[in-house]
Amino acid sequence: MRAGPPAEPAPSYCGLLPIDKPAGMTSHDVVDRVRRRFRMRAVGHLGTLDPAASGLLMTALGPATRFAPVWQSGAKTYEGAVRFGLVTSTQDLQGEVLRRDDRRPSEDEIRAATRALTGEIAQVPPMVSARRVGGERLYRLHRRGETVERAARTVTVHRWEWRRFDPLDAHFEITCSGGTYVRTLAHDLGEALGCGAALASLRRLASEPFGIESAVPLRRLIAEPHETVWAQSGWSLERALAHLAQLVLEPAECEDVGFGRRPEIPIERARALPLSGGPRSVVLVDSDGAVLGLGELESAEGGGARVCPHVLLPHAVRDGRLAGGQHAL
């Protein structure tokens, strides 16, 4: 039997696709849908949303997954609701109720207690979180009925505003640093008020610098051609990295970086760029504006700055062994 012509290769995508995740799905479920629709294996997400939560879930496609850390540290904004008078095993309404209290705090009491949980605070991650302790995810230990000691972490609550108070729930909007557990804020607020509280609902509105207004409802991702979805809502890597400082490399410098070398540039070209800002503090681009990778500028002995590449895209890597211990990650 004669073989037919080879199948057309799947289109290659590189960038971010914001998804409006519905409640009831895990973040991994959403990533799996994106993988199947775009016929790509390299898909990840930038910050887990709990199954019961909805809203903005940024997914990264293709080589953009290598740059994930530059987007994960931005501030997050949520809207949600707190239910007072109960304490649960998961700090939300999905867990086992451990304690009930008929007392309901007044609006003034709630607002006053909130002020103590605003700004830089210490927070103990909940047992249902994905944080690792002793090499294992906390939620896996929780499923086995185990509780372990967790070290408190410093997080920042930039603002916590109350929108309305219903007989059952109090509704809020909050902006906080990445890594903040809103369910734990609700729990700690209830403990401060003496009546207990649990998170009743949560929806992510923004993950700096991205907002829910650009997100694709999951039903559209399923119903429409993925090419159309990407054309209308996808963020190219150049657009997604526009909030970072950029350094345009000359052709010879592109070659150096591709081989893992660290070229030196005049201080005039580096004057407006961060020095020693971290391994992903500067976007390296070619003369056409195409992203090559991420790196750092360090002071050089001659008074200039040395370009130190840390993460390179596949098309930027030149054949041959990379020098100086650099790797295209």
C-alpha atoms as a PDB file:
ATOM      1  CA  MET A   1       0.000   0.000   0.000  1.00  0.00           C
ATOM      2  CA  ARG A   2       1.456   3.321  -1.075  1.00  0.00           C
ATOM      3  CA  ALA A   3       1.993   5.842   1.688  1.00  0.00           C
ATOM      4  CA  GLY A   4       0.355   9.237   1.342  1.00  0.00           C
ATOM      5  CA  PRO A   5       2.102  12.588   1.661  1.00  0.00           C
ATOM      6  CA  PRO A   6       3.499  13.409   5.102  1.00  0.00           C
ATOM      7  CA  ALA A   7       1.117  15.158   7.445  1.00  0.00           C
ATOM      8  CA  GLU A   8       1.439  18.906   7.787  1.00  0.00           C
ATOM      9  CA  PRO A   9       3.371  19.776  10.954  1.00  0.00           C
ATOM     10  CA  ALA A  10       1.341  21.392  13.706  1.00  0.00           C
ATOM     11  CA  PRO A  11       1.739  25.174  13.871  1.00  0.00           C
ATOM     12  CA  SER A  12       4.225  26.363  16.453  1.00  0.00           C
ATOM     13  CA  TYR A  13       3.137  28.893  19.044  1.00  0.00           C
ATOM     14  CA  CYS A  14       5.249  30.795  21.530  1.00  0.00           C
ATOM     15  CA  GLY A  15       3.697  33.195  24.004  1.00  0.00           C
ATOM     16  CA  LEU A  16       0.923  33.500  26.557  1.00  0.00           C
ATOM     17  CA  LEU A  17      -2.783  32.737  26.310  1.00  0.00           C
ATOM     18  CA  PRO A  18      -4.987  34.109  29.121  1.00  0.00           C
ATOM     19  CA  ILE A  19      -7.860  31.773  30.006  1.00  0.00           C
ATOM     20  CA  ASP A  20     -10.959  32.567  32.073  1.00  0.00           C
ATOM     21  CA  LYS A  21     -11.043  29.381  34.134  1.00  0.00           C
ATOM     22  CA  PRO A  22     -14.484  28.249  35.297  1.00  0.00           C
ATOM     23  CA  ALA A  23     -15.004  26.981  38.829  1.00  0.00           C
ATOM     24  CA  GLY A  24     -14.900  23.221  39.193  1.00  0.00           C
ATOM     25  CA  MET A  25     -11.773  22.563  37.101  1.00  0.00           C
ATOM     26  CA  THR A  26      -8.182  22.257  38.197  1.00  0.00           C
ATOM     27  CA  SER A  27      -5.509  24.448  36.627  1.00  0.00           C
ATOM     28  CA  HIS A  28      -3.982  21.265  35.216  1.00  0.00           C
ATOM     29  CA  ASP A  29      -7.302  20.437  33.521  1.00  0.00           C
ATOM     30  CA  VAL A  30      -7.182  23.794  31.735  1.00  0.00           C
ATOM     31  CA  VAL A  31      -3.567  23.267  30.655  1.00  0.00           C
ATOM     32  CA  ASP A  32      -4.532  19.845  29.286  1.00  0.00           C
ATOM     33  CA  ARG A  33      -7.337  21.429  27.213  1.00  0.00           C
ATOM     34  CA  VAL A  34      -4.903  23.979  25.783  1.00  0.00           C
ATOM     35  CA  ARG A  35      -2.402  21.212  24.952  1.00  0.00           C
ATOM     36  CA  ARG A  36      -5.013  19.269  23.031  1.00  0.00           C
ATOM     37  CA  ARG A  37      -6.478  22.249  21.193  1.00  0.00           C
ATOM     38  CA  PHE A  38      -3.070  23.561  20.093  1.00  0.00           C
ATOM     39  CA  ARG A  39      -1.553  20.087  19.591  1.00  0.00           C
ATOM     40  CA  MET A  40       1.432  21.050  21.731  1.00  0.00           C
ATOM     41  CA  ARG A  41       3.124  19.305  24.637  1.00  0.00           C
ATOM     42  CA  ALA A  42       4.958  22.353  25.971  1.00  0.00           C
ATOM     43  CA  VAL A  43       2.149  24.165  27.799  1.00  0.00           C
ATOM     44  CA  GLY A  44       2.170  25.352  31.401  1.00  0.00           C
ATOM     45  CA  HIS A  45       0.416  27.845  33.636  1.00  0.00           C
ATOM     46  CA  LEU A  46       1.625  30.827  35.644  1.00  0.00           C
ATOM     47  CA  GLY A  47       0.157  30.465  39.119  1.00  0.00           C
ATOM     48  CA  THR A  48      -2.312  27.821  40.277  1.00  0.00           C
ATOM     49  CA  LEU A  49      -5.994  28.576  40.767  1.00  0.00           C
ATOM     50  CA  ASP A  50      -7.808  26.227  43.143  1.00  0.00           C
ATOM     51  CA  PRO A  51     -10.525  24.060  41.549  1.00  0.00           C
ATOM     52  CA  ALA A  52     -13.292  26.033  43.286  1.00  0.00           C
ATOM     53  CA  ALA A  53     -11.859  29.374  42.103  1.00  0.00           C
ATOM     54  CA  SER A  54     -12.481  30.986  38.738  1.00  0.00           C
ATOM     55  CA  GLY A  55     -10.913  33.727  36.675  1.00  0.00           C
ATOM     56  CA  LEU A  56      -7.616  34.578  35.054  1.00  0.00           C
ATOM     57  CA  LEU A  57      -5.231  31.686  34.449  1.00  0.00           C
ATOM     58  CA  MET A  58      -2.263  32.622  32.270  1.00  0.00           C
ATOM     59  CA  THR A  59      -1.052  29.703  30.167  1.00  0.00           C
ATOM     60  CA  ALA A  60       2.365  29.655  28.492  1.00  0.00           C
ATOM     61  CA  LEU A  61       2.857  27.923  25.152  1.00  0.00           C
ATOM     62  CA  GLY A  62       6.009  26.556  23.581  1.00  0.00           C
ATOM     63  CA  PRO A  63       9.388  28.028  24.532  1.00  0.00           C
ATOM     64  CA  ALA A  64       7.572  30.725  26.543  1.00  0.00           C
ATOM     65  CA  THR A  65       7.295  28.141  29.330  1.00  0.00           C
ATOM     66  CA  ARG A  66      11.033  28.687  29.952  1.00  0.00           C
ATOM     67  CA  PHE A  67      10.371  32.303  30.926  1.00  0.00           C
ATOM     68  CA  ALA A  68       7.612  31.580  33.454  1.00  0.00           C
ATOM     69  CA  PRO A  69       9.373  33.081  36.526  1.00  0.00           C
ATOM     70  CA  VAL A  70       9.318  36.614  35.084  1.00  0.00           C
ATOM     71  CA  TRP A  71       5.510  36.657  35.178  1.00  0.00           C
ATOM     72  CA  GLN A  72       4.819  34.725  38.368  1.00  0.00           C
ATOM     73  CA  SER A  73       5.965  37.334  40.873  1.00  0.00           C
ATOM     74  CA  GLY A  74       3.518  40.082  39.910  1.00  0.00           C
ATOM     75  CA  ALA A  75       0.751  41.238  42.232  1.00  0.00           C
ATOM     76  CA  LYS A  76      -2.590  39.404  42.033  1.00  0.00           C
ATOM     77  CA  THR A  77      -6.069  40.921  42.311  1.00  0.00           C
ATOM     78  CA  TYR A  78      -9.104  38.886  43.354  1.00  0.00           C
ATOM     79  CA  GLU A  79     -12.753  39.368  44.166  1.00  0.00           C
ATOM     80  CA  GLY A  80     -14.406  36.978  46.538  1.00  0.00           C
ATOM     81  CA  ALA A  81     -16.567  36.386  49.578  1.00  0.00           C
ATOM     82  CA  VAL A  82     -15.987  35.345  53.186  1.00  0.00           C
ATOM     83  CA  ARG A  83     -18.490  33.409  55.264  1.00  0.00           C
ATOM     84  CA  PHE A  84     -18.202  34.038  58.988  1.00  0.00           C
ATOM     85  CA  GLY A  85     -19.171  31.655  61.770  1.00  0.00           C
ATOM     86  CA  LEU A  86     -17.392  28.487  60.703  1.00  0.00           C
ATOM     87  CA  VAL A  87     -13.931  26.946  60.504  1.00  0.00           C
ATOM     88  CA  THR A  88     -13.183  24.202  57.964  1.00  0.00           C
ATOM     89  CA  SER A  89     -10.356  21.773  57.315  1.00  0.00           C
ATOM     90  CA  THR A  90      -9.522  23.465  53.998  1.00  0.00           C
ATOM     91  CA  GLN A  91     -10.235  27.094  55.007  1.00  0.00           C
ATOM     92  CA  ASP A  92     -12.996  27.237  52.352  1.00  0.00           C
ATOM     93  CA  LEU A  93     -16.478  25.746  51.948  1.00  0.00           C
ATOM     94  CA  GLN A  94     -15.209  22.536  50.328  1.00  0.00           C
ATOM     95  CA  GLY A  95     -13.685  21.172  53.521  1.00  0.00           C
ATOM     96  CA  GLU A  96     -15.031  19.467  56.633  1.00  0.00           C
ATOM     97  CA  VAL A  97     -16.619  21.879  59.122  1.00  0.00           C
ATOM     98  CA  LEU A  98     -14.559  21.795  62.300  1.00  0.00           C
ATOM     99  CA  ARG A  99     -16.306  24.498  64.295  1.00  0.00           C
ATOM    100  CA  ARG A 100     -19.400  26.686  64.091  1.00  0.00           C
ATOM    101  CA  ASP A 101     -20.245  29.953  65.813  1.00  0.00           C
ATOM    102  CA  ASP A 102     -23.593  31.758  65.696  1.00  0.00           C
ATOM    103  CA  ARG A 103     -22.041  35.172  66.293  1.00  0.00           C
ATOM    104  CA  ARG A 104     -21.628  37.457  63.282  1.00  0.00           C
ATOM    105  CA  PRO A 105     -19.205  40.390  63.447  1.00  0.00           C
ATOM    106  CA  SER A 106     -20.377  43.873  62.515  1.00  0.00           C
ATOM    107  CA  GLU A 107     -19.121  45.688  59.405  1.00  0.00           C
ATOM    108  CA  ASP A 108     -17.014  47.977  61.580  1.00  0.00           C
ATOM    109  CA  GLU A 109     -15.437  44.995  63.376  1.00  0.00           C
ATOM    110  CA  ILE A 110     -14.610  43.345  60.055  1.00  0.00           C
ATOM    111  CA  ARG A 111     -13.038  46.484  58.616  1.00  0.00           C
ATOM    112  CA  ALA A 112     -10.986  47.065  61.765  1.00  0.00           C
ATOM    113  CA  ALA A 113      -9.696  43.472  61.855  1.00  0.00           C
ATOM    114  CA  THR A 114      -8.827  43.657  58.149  1.00  0.00           C
ATOM    115  CA  ARG A 115      -6.417  46.530  58.753  1.00  0.00           C
ATOM    116  CA  ALA A 116      -4.202  44.264  60.870  1.00  0.00           C
ATOM    117  CA  LEU A 117      -3.967  41.856  57.911  1.00  0.00           C
ATOM    118  CA  THR A 118      -2.967  44.527  55.405  1.00  0.00           C
ATOM    119  CA  GLY A 119       0.619  45.353  54.461  1.00  0.00           C
ATOM    120  CA  GLU A 120       3.536  43.000  55.019  1.00  0.00           C
ATOM    121  CA  ILE A 121       2.407  40.049  57.138  1.00  0.00           C
ATOM    122  CA  ALA A 122       3.560  36.540  58.053  1.00  0.00           C
ATOM    123  CA  GLN A 123       1.384  33.758  56.657  1.00  0.00           C
ATOM    124  CA  VAL A 124       1.470  29.997  57.245  1.00  0.00           C
ATOM    125  CA  PRO A 125       0.647  28.098  54.022  1.00  0.00           C
ATOM    126  CA  PRO A 126      -2.481  25.941  54.328  1.00  0.00           C
ATOM    127  CA  MET A 127      -2.241  22.150  54.282  1.00  0.00           C
ATOM    128  CA  VAL A 128      -4.205  22.075  51.018  1.00  0.00           C
ATOM    129  CA  SER A 129      -1.613  24.164  49.162  1.00  0.00           C
ATOM    130  CA  ALA A 130       0.824  22.938  46.504  1.00  0.00           C
ATOM    131  CA  ARG A 131       3.850  24.075  48.524  1.00  0.00           C
ATOM    132  CA  ARG A 132       6.403  21.365  49.249  1.00  0.00           C
ATOM    133  CA  VAL A 133       7.522  20.350  52.737  1.00  0.00           C
ATOM    134  CA  GLY A 134      10.124  17.607  52.961  1.00  0.00           C
ATOM    135  CA  GLY A 135       9.895  17.132  49.199  1.00  0.00           C
ATOM    136  CA  GLU A 136       6.151  16.406  49.153  1.00  0.00           C
ATOM    137  CA  ARG A 137       3.191  18.601  48.250  1.00  0.00           C
ATOM    138  CA  LEU A 138       1.178  19.666  51.259  1.00  0.00           C
ATOM    139  CA  TYR A 139      -2.144  18.767  49.637  1.00  0.00           C
ATOM    140  CA  ARG A 140      -0.978  15.179  49.195  1.00  0.00           C
ATOM    141  CA  LEU A 141      -0.197  14.964  52.917  1.00  0.00           C
ATOM    142  CA  HIS A 142      -3.597  16.512  53.666  1.00  0.00           C
ATOM    143  CA  ARG A 143      -5.368  13.845  51.585  1.00  0.00           C
ATOM    144  CA  ARG A 144      -3.673  11.201  53.742  1.00  0.00           C
ATOM    145  CA  GLY A 145      -4.913  12.928  56.861  1.00  0.00           C
ATOM    146  CA  GLU A 146      -1.470  14.183  57.844  1.00  0.00           C
ATOM    147  CA  THR A 147      -0.629  17.619  59.237  1.00  0.00           C
ATOM    148  CA  VAL A 148       2.941  18.907  59.365  1.00  0.00           C
ATOM    149  CA  GLU A 149       4.634  22.024  60.630  1.00  0.00           C
ATOM    150  CA  ARG A 150       4.897  24.783  58.028  1.00  0.00           C
ATOM    151  CA  ALA A 151       7.179  27.769  58.272  1.00  0.00           C
ATOM    152  CA  ALA A 152       5.495  31.163  58.001  1.00  0.00           C
ATOM    153  CA  ARG A 153       6.270  33.179  54.873  1.00  0.00           C
ATOM    154  CA  THR A 154       6.215  36.930  54.394  1.00  0.00           C
ATOM    155  CA  VAL A 155       3.525  38.130  51.978  1.00  0.00           C
ATOM    156  CA  THR A 156       2.120  41.559  51.207  1.00  0.00           C
ATOM    157  CA  VAL A 157      -1.533  42.549  51.115  1.00  0.00           C
ATOM    158  CA  HIS A 158      -1.499  45.809  49.175  1.00  0.00           C
ATOM    159  CA  ARG A 159      -5.192  46.550  49.684  1.00  0.00           C
ATOM    160  CA  TRP A 160      -8.251  44.740  51.037  1.00  0.00           C
ATOM    161  CA  GLU A 161     -11.563  46.480  50.398  1.00  0.00           C
ATOM    162  CA  TRP A 162     -15.062  45.362  51.345  1.00  0.00           C
ATOM    163  CA  ARG A 163     -17.688  45.833  48.613  1.00  0.00           C
ATOM    164  CA  ARG A 164     -20.902  44.727  50.279  1.00  0.00           C
ATOM    165  CA  PHE A 165     -22.234  42.752  53.232  1.00  0.00           C
ATOM    166  CA  ASP A 166     -25.006  40.212  52.680  1.00  0.00           C
ATOM    167  CA  PRO A 167     -26.789  38.266  55.417  1.00  0.00           C
ATOM    168  CA  LEU A 168     -24.653  35.234  54.588  1.00  0.00           C
ATOM    169  CA  ASP A 169     -21.398  36.493  53.045  1.00  0.00           C
ATOM    170  CA  ALA A 170     -19.163  39.566  53.034  1.00  0.00           C
ATOM    171  CA  HIS A 171     -17.814  40.439  49.580  1.00  0.00           C
ATOM    172  CA  PHE A 172     -14.337  41.901  49.017  1.00  0.00           C
ATOM    173  CA  GLU A 173     -11.686  42.841  46.484  1.00  0.00           C
ATOM    174  CA  ILE A 174      -8.041  42.320  47.336  1.00  0.00           C
ATOM    175  CA  THR A 175      -4.632  42.923  45.756  1.00  0.00           C
ATOM    176  CA  CYS A 176      -1.748  40.925  47.171  1.00  0.00           C
ATOM    177  CA  SER A 177       1.714  39.664  46.335  1.00  0.00           C
ATOM    178  CA  GLY A 178       2.250  36.464  44.414  1.00  0.00           C
ATOM    179  CA  GLY A 179       2.211  33.431  46.693  1.00  0.00           C
ATOM    180  CA  THR A 180      -0.432  34.855  49.064  1.00  0.00           C
ATOM    181  CA  TYR A 181      -3.152  32.395  50.083  1.00  0.00           C
ATOM    182  CA  VAL A 182      -6.466  34.248  50.162  1.00  0.00           C
ATOM    183  CA  ARG A 183      -8.202  31.317  51.879  1.00  0.00           C
ATOM    184  CA  THR A 184      -5.707  31.690  54.729  1.00  0.00           C
ATOM    185  CA  LEU A 185      -6.407  35.430  54.941  1.00  0.00           C
ATOM    186  CA  ALA A 186     -10.107  34.614  55.336  1.00  0.00           C
ATOM    187  CA  HIS A 187      -9.328  32.012  58.001  1.00  0.00           C
ATOM    188  CA  ASP A 188      -6.988  34.347  59.904  1.00  0.00           C
ATOM    189  CA  LEU A 189      -9.579  37.130  59.762  1.00  0.00           C
ATOM    190  CA  GLY A 190     -12.149  34.827  61.329  1.00  0.00           C
ATOM    191  CA  GLU A 191      -9.708  33.835  64.067  1.00  0.00           C
ATOM    192  CA  ALA A 192      -8.956  37.491  64.802  1.00  0.00           C
ATOM    193  CA  LEU A 193     -12.680  38.156  65.148  1.00  0.00           C
ATOM    194  CA  GLY A 194     -13.204  35.114  67.353  1.00  0.00           C
ATOM    195  CA  CYS A 195     -16.026  33.604  65.285  1.00  0.00           C
ATOM    196  CA  GLY A 196     -14.126  31.786  62.557  1.00  0.00           C
ATOM    197  CA  ALA A 197     -14.430  32.285  58.814  1.00  0.00           C
ATOM    198  CA  ALA A 198     -13.975  30.428  55.541  1.00  0.00           C
ATOM    199  CA  LEU A 199     -13.539  31.521  51.959  1.00  0.00           C
ATOM    200  CA  ALA A 200     -16.895  31.220  50.187  1.00  0.00           C
ATOM    201  CA  SER A 201     -15.837  32.159  46.646  1.00  0.00           C
ATOM    202  CA  LEU A 202     -12.817  33.497  44.758  1.00  0.00           C
ATOM    203  CA  ARG A 203     -12.221  34.905  41.292  1.00  0.00           C
ATOM    204  CA  ARG A 204      -8.875  36.172  39.988  1.00  0.00           C
ATOM    205  CA  LEU A 205      -9.211  39.491  38.174  1.00  0.00           C
ATOM    206  CA  ALA A 206      -5.565  40.264  37.424  1.00  0.00           C
ATOM    207  CA  SER A 207      -2.072  38.810  37.556  1.00  0.00           C
ATOM    208  CA  GLU A 208       0.214  41.758  36.965  1.00  0.00           C
ATOM    209  CA  PRO A 209       0.643  42.840  34.176  1.00  0.00           C
ATOM    210  CA  PHE A 210      -2.330  40.838  32.782  1.00  0.00           C
ATOM    211  CA  GLY A 211      -6.059  41.360  33.380  1.00  0.00           C
ATOM    212  CA  ILE A 212      -9.225  39.285  33.084  1.00  0.00           C
ATOM    213  CA  GLU A 213     -10.537  41.548  30.298  1.00  0.00           C
ATOM    214  CA  SER A 214      -8.189  39.842  27.817  1.00  0.00           C
ATOM    215  CA  ALA A 215      -8.957  36.278  28.927  1.00  0.00           C
ATOM    216  CA  VAL A 216     -10.612  33.681  26.703  1.00  0.00           C
ATOM    217  CA  PRO A 217     -13.614  31.861  28.205  1.00  0.00           C
ATOM    218  CA  LEU A 218     -12.891  28.146  28.163  1.00  0.00           C
ATOM    219  CA  ARG A 219     -16.016  27.496  26.089  1.00  0.00           C
ATOM    220  CA  ARG A 220     -14.528  29.618  23.274  1.00  0.00           C
ATOM    221  CA  LEU A 221     -11.281  27.673  23.390  1.00  0.00           C
ATOM    222  CA  ILE A 222     -13.272  24.469  22.936  1.00  0.00           C
ATOM    223  CA  ALA A 223     -15.735  25.732  20.320  1.00  0.00           C
ATOM    224  CA  GLU A 224     -13.601  27.919  18.045  1.00  0.00           C
ATOM    225  CA  PRO A 225     -10.568  27.100  15.867  1.00  0.00           C
ATOM    226  CA  HIS A 226      -7.443  27.474  17.949  1.00  0.00           C
ATOM    227  CA  GLU A 227      -5.870  29.658  15.248  1.00  0.00           C
ATOM    228  CA  THR A 228      -8.711  32.151  15.700  1.00  0.00           C
ATOM    229  CA  VAL A 229      -8.399  32.082  19.478  1.00  0.00           C
ATOM    230  CA  TRP A 230      -4.657  32.735  19.281  1.00  0.00           C
ATOM    231  CA  ALA A 231      -5.016  35.511  16.696  1.00  0.00           C
ATOM    232  CA  GLN A 232      -7.575  37.311  18.860  1.00  0.00           C
ATOM    233  CA  SER A 233      -6.274  36.679  22.378  1.00  0.00           C
ATOM    234  CA  GLY A 234      -2.725  35.318  22.279  1.00  0.00           C
ATOM    235  CA  TRP A 235       0.187  37.381  23.583  1.00  0.00           C
ATOM    236  CA  SER A 236       3.380  37.123  21.571  1.00  0.00           C
ATOM    237  CA  LEU A 237       6.551  36.725  23.597  1.00  0.00           C
ATOM    238  CA  GLU A 238       7.626  40.240  22.591  1.00  0.00           C
ATOM    239  CA  ARG A 239       4.368  41.719  23.889  1.00  0.00           C
ATOM    240  CA  ALA A 240       4.352  39.630  27.070  1.00  0.00           C
ATOM    241  CA  LEU A 241       7.888  40.753  27.966  1.00  0.00           C
ATOM    242  CA  ALA A 242       7.345  44.438  27.170  1.00  0.00           C
ATOM    243  CA  HIS A 243       7.286  45.331  30.883  1.00  0.00           C
ATOM    244  CA  LEU A 244      10.963  44.341  31.250  1.00  0.00           C
ATOM    245  CA  ALA A 245      14.056  46.299  30.205  1.00  0.00           C
ATOM    246  CA  GLN A 246      15.291  45.368  26.732  1.00  0.00           C
ATOM    247  CA  LEU A 247      18.749  45.315  25.189  1.00  0.00           C
ATOM    248  CA  VAL A 248      19.102  45.245  21.396  1.00  0.00           C
ATOM    249  CA  LEU A 249      22.107  43.163  20.426  1.00  0.00           C
ATOM    250  CA  GLU A 250      24.213  43.722  17.341  1.00  0.00           C
ATOM    251  CA  PRO A 251      24.711  40.734  14.978  1.00  0.00           C
ATOM    252  CA  ALA A 252      28.148  39.865  16.396  1.00  0.00           C
ATOM    253  CA  GLU A 253      26.753  40.054  19.931  1.00  0.00           C
ATOM    254  CA  CYS A 254      23.897  37.738  18.942  1.00  0.00           C
ATOM    255  CA  GLU A 255      26.518  35.242  17.797  1.00  0.00           C
ATOM    256  CA  ASP A 256      28.443  35.577  21.062  1.00  0.00           C
ATOM    257  CA  VAL A 257      25.319  35.086  23.158  1.00  0.00           C
ATOM    258  CA  GLY A 258      24.268  32.108  21.020  1.00  0.00           C
ATOM    259  CA  PHE A 259      27.568  30.379  21.765  1.00  0.00           C
ATOM    260  CA  GLY A 260      27.259  31.133  25.475  1.00  0.00           C
ATOM    261  CA  ARG A 261      29.849  33.879  25.486  1.00  0.00           C
ATOM    262  CA  ARG A 262      29.351  37.119  27.439  1.00  0.00           C
ATOM    263  CA  PRO A 263      30.029  40.117  25.209  1.00  0.00           C
ATOM    264  CA  GLU A 264      30.870  43.509  26.673  1.00  0.00           C
ATOM    265  CA  ILE A 265      28.909  46.601  25.603  1.00  0.00           C
ATOM    266  CA  PRO A 266      29.688  50.309  26.115  1.00  0.00           C
ATOM    267  CA  ILE A 267      28.271  51.869  29.257  1.00  0.00           C
ATOM    268  CA  GLU A 268      26.226  54.269  27.110  1.00  0.00           C
ATOM    269  CA  ARG A 269      24.073  51.373  25.878  1.00  0.00           C
ATOM    270  CA  ALA A 270      23.626  50.044  29.394  1.00  0.00           C
ATOM    271  CA  ARG A 271      22.960  53.347  31.159  1.00  0.00           C
ATOM    272  CA  ALA A 272      19.149  52.999  31.287  1.00  0.00           C
ATOM    273  CA  LEU A 273      19.241  49.258  32.034  1.00  0.00           C
ATOM    274  CA  PRO A 274      19.469  47.506  35.422  1.00  0.00           C
ATOM    275  CA  LEU A 275      22.892  46.237  36.489  1.00  0.00           C
ATOM    276  CA  SER A 276      23.049  43.039  38.554  1.00  0.00           C
ATOM    277  CA  GLY A 277      19.261  42.929  38.490  1.00  0.00           C
ATOM    278  CA  GLY A 278      19.030  39.155  38.451  1.00  0.00           C
ATOM    279  CA  PRO A 279      19.317  36.394  35.826  1.00  0.00           C
ATOM    280  CA  ARG A 280      16.051  37.339  34.106  1.00  0.00           C
ATOM    281  CA  SER A 281      16.131  41.125  34.462  1.00  0.00           C
ATOM    282  CA  VAL A 282      16.897  42.059  30.833  1.00  0.00           C
ATOM    283  CA  VAL A 283      15.262  40.862  27.612  1.00  0.00           C
ATOM    284  CA  LEU A 284      17.820  40.201  24.871  1.00  0.00           C
ATOM    285  CA  VAL A 285      16.485  40.994  21.394  1.00  0.00           C
ATOM    286  CA  ASP A 286      17.975  41.167  17.910  1.00  0.00           C
ATOM    287  CA  SER A 287      17.889  44.156  15.565  1.00  0.00           C
ATOM    288  CA  ASP A 288      14.446  43.088  14.290  1.00  0.00           C
ATOM    289  CA  GLY A 289      13.021  43.110  17.824  1.00  0.00           C
ATOM    290  CA  ALA A 290      12.746  39.310  18.064  1.00  0.00           C
ATOM    291  CA  VAL A 291      13.336  37.915  21.549  1.00  0.00           C
ATOM    292  CA  LEU A 292      16.480  35.814  21.907  1.00  0.00           C
ATOM    293  CA  GLY A 293      16.371  35.184  25.627  1.00  0.00           C
ATOM    294  CA  LEU A 294      16.708  36.605  29.108  1.00  0.00           C
ATOM    295  CA  GLY A 295      19.838  37.624  30.913  1.00  0.00           C
ATOM    296  CA  GLU A 296      21.584  40.042  33.223  1.00  0.00           C
ATOM    297  CA  LEU A 297      23.988  42.931  32.839  1.00  0.00           C
ATOM    298  CA  GLU A 298      27.029  43.024  35.098  1.00  0.00           C
ATOM    299  CA  SER A 299      29.637  45.733  35.474  1.00  0.00           C
ATOM    300  CA  ALA A 300      32.786  45.080  33.427  1.00  0.00           C
ATOM    301  CA  GLU A 301      36.328  46.037  34.389  1.00  0.00           C
ATOM    302  CA  GLY A 302      36.699  48.382  31.431  1.00  0.00           C
ATOM    303  CA  GLY A 303      33.802  50.540  32.588  1.00  0.00           C
ATOM    304  CA  GLY A 304      31.220  48.987  30.300  1.00  0.00           C
ATOM    305  CA  ALA A 305      28.708  46.222  30.998  1.00  0.00           C
ATOM    306  CA  ARG A 306      28.916  42.511  30.352  1.00  0.00           C
ATOM    307  CA  VAL A 307      25.920  40.693  28.849  1.00  0.00           C
ATOM    308  CA  CYS A 308      25.290  37.447  30.745  1.00  0.00           C
ATOM    309  CA  PRO A 309      22.685  35.256  28.982  1.00  0.00           C
ATOM    310  CA  HIS A 310      20.792  32.876  31.253  1.00  0.00           C
ATOM    311  CA  VAL A 311      17.805  31.556  29.290  1.00  0.00           C
ATOM    312  CA  LEU A 312      17.922  31.367  25.478  1.00  0.00           C
ATOM    313  CA  LEU A 313      15.235  30.404  22.987  1.00  0.00           C
ATOM    314  CA  PRO A 314      16.127  27.506  20.654  1.00  0.00           C
ATOM    315  CA  HIS A 315      16.502  29.736  17.587  1.00  0.00           C
ATOM    316  CA  ALA A 316      19.084  31.879  19.419  1.00  0.00           C
ATOM    317  CA  VAL A 317      21.411  28.992  20.261  1.00  0.00           C
ATOM    318  CA  ARG A 318      24.340  28.439  17.886  1.00  0.00           C
ATOM    319  CA  ASP A 319      25.837  25.023  17.166  1.00  0.00           C
ATOM    320  CA  GLY A 320      28.721  24.052  19.371  1.00  0.00           C
ATOM    321  CA  ARG A 321      29.439  23.698  23.050  1.00  0.00           C
ATOM    322  CA  LEU A 322      28.242  26.635  25.102  1.00  0.00           C
ATOM    323  CA  ALA A 323      31.092  28.497  26.778  1.00  0.00           C
ATOM    324  CA  GLY A 324      31.393  29.660  30.344  1.00  0.00           C
ATOM    325  CA  GLY A 325      28.878  27.206  31.751  1.00  0.00           C
ATOM    326  CA  GLN A 326      25.903  28.918  30.058  1.00  0.00           C
ATOM    327  CA  HIS A 327      22.970  26.774  29.024  1.00  0.00           C
ATOM    328  CA  ALA A 328      19.896  27.251  26.901  1.00  0.00           C
ATOM    329  CA  LEU A 329      17.296  26.230  29.448  1.00  0.00           C
END
